[in-house]
């Protein structure tokens, strides 16, 4: 009887050990699966984080490149404008040089006459005083002829007087006899009045195809 009881006990013990081993094995498998899932999840999260960092780095790099490119374009634009302005100023200087040479030619007197007529017409005719450069060409004006033209243009009897005062500029200044109103038709004044317009035309001619 005792032997039989021992066998039953051993059988129960063996079943318990087998079941325990099965439970341990299942638990181990569950742990392995959980660990594997967590490792996979950790890798996924790490990859996502890495991709996010790479994406942010690329975005920051694009922003930096964009800023640098924009700054370079802006700097290049200002350099081009500066060069255009320099070239335009050179053209202005060349124009003034040609005007200076013009004074010594026979073409200067007709130009001077037109400047006188324009200034006197602006003042509305009447008794007017002409102030000119001491260049000999300035003294060759036919005042009587000019008075007739201005009188016809303004409808006001005009008398012109050449002032003893002289100017260094080329061209002419005309003022009323009381000196209250003056029209400056010197080359310098005309260039200054039309500077904006002339610079625009010069730039258009120089750079229209650039």
Protein backbone atom coordinates (compact mmCIF):
# COMPACT_ATOMS: atom_id res chain seq x y z
CA UNK A 1 0.00 0.00 0.00
CA UNK A 2 2.74 2.37 0.96
CA UNK A 3 4.50 1.71 -2.35
CA UNK A 4 1.34 2.51 -4.23
CA UNK A 5 0.90 5.76 -2.34
CA UNK A 6 4.48 6.72 -3.14
CA UNK A 7 3.89 6.06 -6.81
CA UNK A 8 0.75 8.21 -6.80
CA UNK A 9 2.64 10.99 -5.01
CA UNK A 10 5.50 10.71 -7.46
CA UNK A 11 3.05 10.86 -10.34
CA UNK A 12 1.39 13.94 -8.90
CA UNK A 13 4.80 15.47 -8.30
CA UNK A 14 5.89 14.66 -11.85
CA UNK A 15 2.69 16.19 -13.25
CA UNK A 16 3.21 19.26 -11.11
CA UNK A 17 6.82 19.56 -12.27
CA UNK A 18 5.77 19.11 -15.89
CA UNK A 19 3.02 21.69 -15.53
CA UNK A 20 5.39 24.01 -13.73
CA UNK A 21 7.96 23.59 -16.48
CA UNK A 22 5.26 24.27 -19.08
CA UNK A 23 4.18 27.38 -17.21
CA UNK A 24 7.80 28.54 -16.95
CA UNK A 25 8.34 27.87 -20.64
CA UNK A 26 5.18 29.79 -21.56
CA UNK A 27 6.19 32.62 -19.30
CA UNK A 28 9.66 32.69 -20.84
CA UNK A 29 8.17 32.75 -24.33
CA UNK A 30 5.86 35.58 -23.29
CA UNK A 31 8.80 37.47 -21.86
CA UNK A 32 10.82 36.87 -25.04
CA UNK A 33 7.91 38.07 -27.20
CA UNK A 34 7.44 41.14 -24.98
CA UNK A 35 11.15 41.91 -25.04
CA UNK A 36 11.23 41.50 -28.82
CA UNK A 37 8.19 43.78 -29.19
CA UNK A 38 9.78 46.37 -26.96
CA UNK A 39 13.06 46.14 -28.83
CA UNK A 40 11.19 46.55 -32.13
CA UNK A 41 9.18 49.45 -30.73
CA UNK A 42 12.36 51.04 -29.40
CA UNK A 43 13.99 50.69 -32.82
CA UNK A 44 10.91 52.17 -34.49
CA UNK A 45 10.88 55.08 -32.06
CA UNK A 46 14.61 55.59 -32.51
CA UNK A 47 14.21 55.51 -36.29
CA UNK A 48 11.30 57.96 -36.12
CA UNK A 49 13.30 60.24 -33.86
CA UNK A 50 16.31 59.97 -36.15
CA UNK A 51 14.18 60.72 -39.23
CA UNK A 52 12.59 63.65 -37.42
CA UNK A 53 16.01 65.02 -36.51
CA UNK A 54 17.23 64.55 -40.08
CA UNK A 55 14.10 66.28 -41.40
CA UNK A 56 14.57 69.19 -38.98
CA UNK A 57 18.26 69.43 -39.90
CA UNK A 58 17.39 69.52 -43.60
CA UNK A 59 14.74 72.18 -42.98
CA UNK A 60 17.20 74.31 -41.00
CA UNK A 61 19.82 73.85 -43.72
CA UNK A 62 17.32 74.91 -46.40
CA UNK A 63 16.45 78.02 -44.37
CA UNK A 64 20.14 78.91 -43.95
CA UNK A 65 20.82 78.32 -47.66
CA UNK A 66 17.76 80.42 -48.55
CA UNK A 67 18.92 83.30 -46.35
CA UNK A 68 22.47 83.17 -47.71
CA UNK A 69 21.17 83.01 -51.30
CA UNK A 70 18.83 85.94 -50.72
CA UNK A 71 21.63 87.98 -49.14
CA UNK A 72 23.96 87.18 -52.04
CA UNK A 73 21.27 88.19 -54.55
CA UNK A 74 20.62 91.41 -52.64
CA UNK A 75 24.33 92.20 -52.52
CA UNK A 76 24.72 91.43 -56.24
CA UNK A 77 21.69 93.63 -57.00
CA UNK A 78 23.19 96.59 -55.12
CA UNK A 79 26.54 96.07 -56.81
CA UNK A 80 24.84 96.17 -60.20
CA UNK A 81 22.93 99.32 -59.25
CA UNK A 82 26.12 100.92 -57.96
CA UNK A 83 27.95 100.09 -61.19
CA UNK A 84 25.07 101.46 -63.27
CA UNK A 85 25.10 104.65 -61.20
CA UNK A 86 28.86 104.99 -61.72
CA UNK A 87 28.51 104.55 -65.47
CA UNK A 88 25.65 107.05 -65.57
CA UNK A 89 27.78 109.60 -63.69
CA UNK A 90 30.60 109.06 -66.18
CA UNK A 91 28.17 109.76 -69.03
CA UNK A 92 27.10 112.97 -67.26
CA UNK A 93 30.73 114.05 -67.00
CA UNK A 94 31.28 113.34 -70.70
CA UNK A 95 28.20 115.40 -71.57
CA UNK A 96 29.52 118.37 -69.58
CA UNK A 97 32.91 117.99 -71.29
CA UNK A 98 31.23 118.15 -74.70
CA UNK A 99 29.21 121.18 -73.62
CA UNK A 100 32.40 122.95 -72.60
CA UNK A 101 33.90 122.27 -76.02
CA UNK A 102 30.68 123.42 -77.64
CA UNK A 103 31.23 126.94 -76.30
CA UNK A 104 34.19 127.35 -78.63
CA UNK A 105 32.20 126.32 -81.70
CA UNK A 106 29.81 128.28 -83.95
CA UNK A 107 26.95 126.09 -82.71
CA UNK A 108 27.03 127.76 -79.30
CA UNK A 109 25.40 131.07 -80.32
CA UNK A 110 22.12 129.52 -81.62
CA UNK A 111 21.93 127.44 -78.43
CA UNK A 112 22.54 130.53 -76.28
CA UNK A 113 19.83 132.43 -78.19
CA UNK A 114 17.32 129.66 -77.51
CA UNK A 115 18.21 129.72 -73.80
CA UNK A 116 17.67 133.49 -73.70
CA UNK A 117 14.32 133.24 -75.51
CA UNK A 118 13.16 130.45 -73.19
CA UNK A 119 14.12 132.34 -70.02
CA UNK A 120 12.62 135.65 -71.21
CA UNK A 121 9.40 133.96 -72.30
CA UNK A 122 9.15 132.32 -68.88
CA UNK A 123 9.42 135.77 -67.28
CA UNK A 124 6.72 137.09 -69.64
CA UNK A 125 8.89 139.61 -71.51
CA UNK A 126 9.31 143.28 -70.55
CA UNK A 127 12.52 144.96 -69.42
CA UNK A 128 14.93 142.16 -68.64
CA UNK A 129 18.60 141.80 -67.81
CA UNK A 130 20.79 139.05 -69.24
CA UNK A 131 23.73 137.68 -67.26
CA UNK A 132 26.26 135.60 -69.20
CA UNK A 133 29.73 134.11 -69.17
CA UNK A 134 32.52 136.41 -70.37
CA UNK A 135 33.22 134.11 -73.31
CA UNK A 136 33.31 136.11 -76.55
CA UNK A 137 30.48 134.06 -78.05
CA UNK A 138 28.18 135.46 -75.39
CA UNK A 139 28.81 138.98 -76.71
CA UNK A 140 27.73 138.11 -80.24
CA UNK A 141 24.03 137.91 -79.47
CA UNK A 142 21.73 139.98 -81.68
CA UNK A 143 19.67 141.58 -78.92
CA UNK A 144 17.35 143.44 -81.31
CA UNK A 145 16.39 140.20 -83.06
CA UNK A 146 15.87 138.45 -79.74
CA UNK A 147 13.68 141.30 -78.45
CA UNK A 148 11.43 140.99 -81.50
CA UNK A 149 11.06 137.20 -81.08
CA UNK A 150 10.30 137.47 -77.36
CA UNK A 151 7.84 140.33 -77.89
CA UNK A 152 6.00 138.23 -80.46
CA UNK A 153 5.96 135.18 -78.22
CA UNK A 154 4.81 136.97 -75.05
CA UNK A 155 2.78 139.81 -76.51
CA UNK A 156 4.72 142.19 -74.23
CA UNK A 157 7.16 144.78 -75.54
CA UNK A 158 10.58 143.52 -74.53
CA UNK A 159 13.88 145.29 -74.01
CA UNK A 160 17.02 143.34 -73.17
CA UNK A 161 20.08 144.63 -71.34
CA UNK A 162 23.35 142.76 -70.89
CA UNK A 163 24.42 142.98 -67.25
CA UNK A 164 27.92 144.03 -66.25
CA UNK A 165 27.86 141.11 -63.88
CA UNK A 166 29.28 137.90 -65.32
CA UNK A 167 28.86 134.26 -64.35
CA UNK A 168 31.34 131.40 -64.53
CA UNK A 169 28.71 128.95 -65.74
CA UNK A 170 27.87 128.33 -69.37
CA UNK A 171 24.48 129.37 -70.62
CA UNK A 172 22.54 132.33 -69.35
CA UNK A 173 20.61 133.80 -66.44
CA UNK A 174 17.80 136.30 -67.04
CA UNK A 175 16.19 138.43 -64.35
CA UNK A 176 13.74 141.29 -64.05
CA UNK A 177 15.28 144.75 -63.71
CA UNK A 178 14.35 144.92 -60.02
CA UNK A 179 16.14 141.59 -59.51
CA UNK A 180 13.16 139.98 -57.76
CA UNK A 181 12.66 137.17 -60.27
CA UNK A 182 15.39 135.22 -62.04
CA UNK A 183 15.43 132.29 -64.45
CA UNK A 184 18.60 130.21 -64.39
CA UNK A 185 19.23 128.68 -67.82
CA UNK A 186 22.87 127.83 -67.29
CA UNK A 187 23.94 124.38 -68.48
CA UNK A 188 24.55 123.29 -64.90
CA UNK A 189 21.09 124.39 -63.74
CA UNK A 190 19.38 122.76 -66.72
CA UNK A 191 21.25 119.50 -66.13
CA UNK A 192 20.32 119.59 -62.45
CA UNK A 193 16.62 120.24 -63.19
CA UNK A 194 16.53 117.39 -65.67
CA UNK A 195 18.93 115.09 -63.83
CA UNK A 196 16.33 112.49 -62.85
CA UNK A 197 14.88 112.36 -66.35
CA UNK A 198 18.31 112.29 -68.00
CA UNK A 199 19.63 109.57 -65.68
CA UNK A 200 16.61 107.43 -66.51
CA UNK A 201 17.18 107.90 -70.24
CA UNK A 202 20.90 107.17 -69.92
CA UNK A 203 20.26 103.98 -67.93
CA UNK A 204 17.66 102.89 -70.44
CA UNK A 205 20.10 103.37 -73.32
CA UNK A 206 23.03 101.72 -71.51
CA UNK A 207 21.24 98.82 -69.88
CA UNK A 208 18.00 98.12 -71.81
CA UNK A 209 19.37 94.74 -72.95
CA UNK A 210 21.17 93.85 -69.73
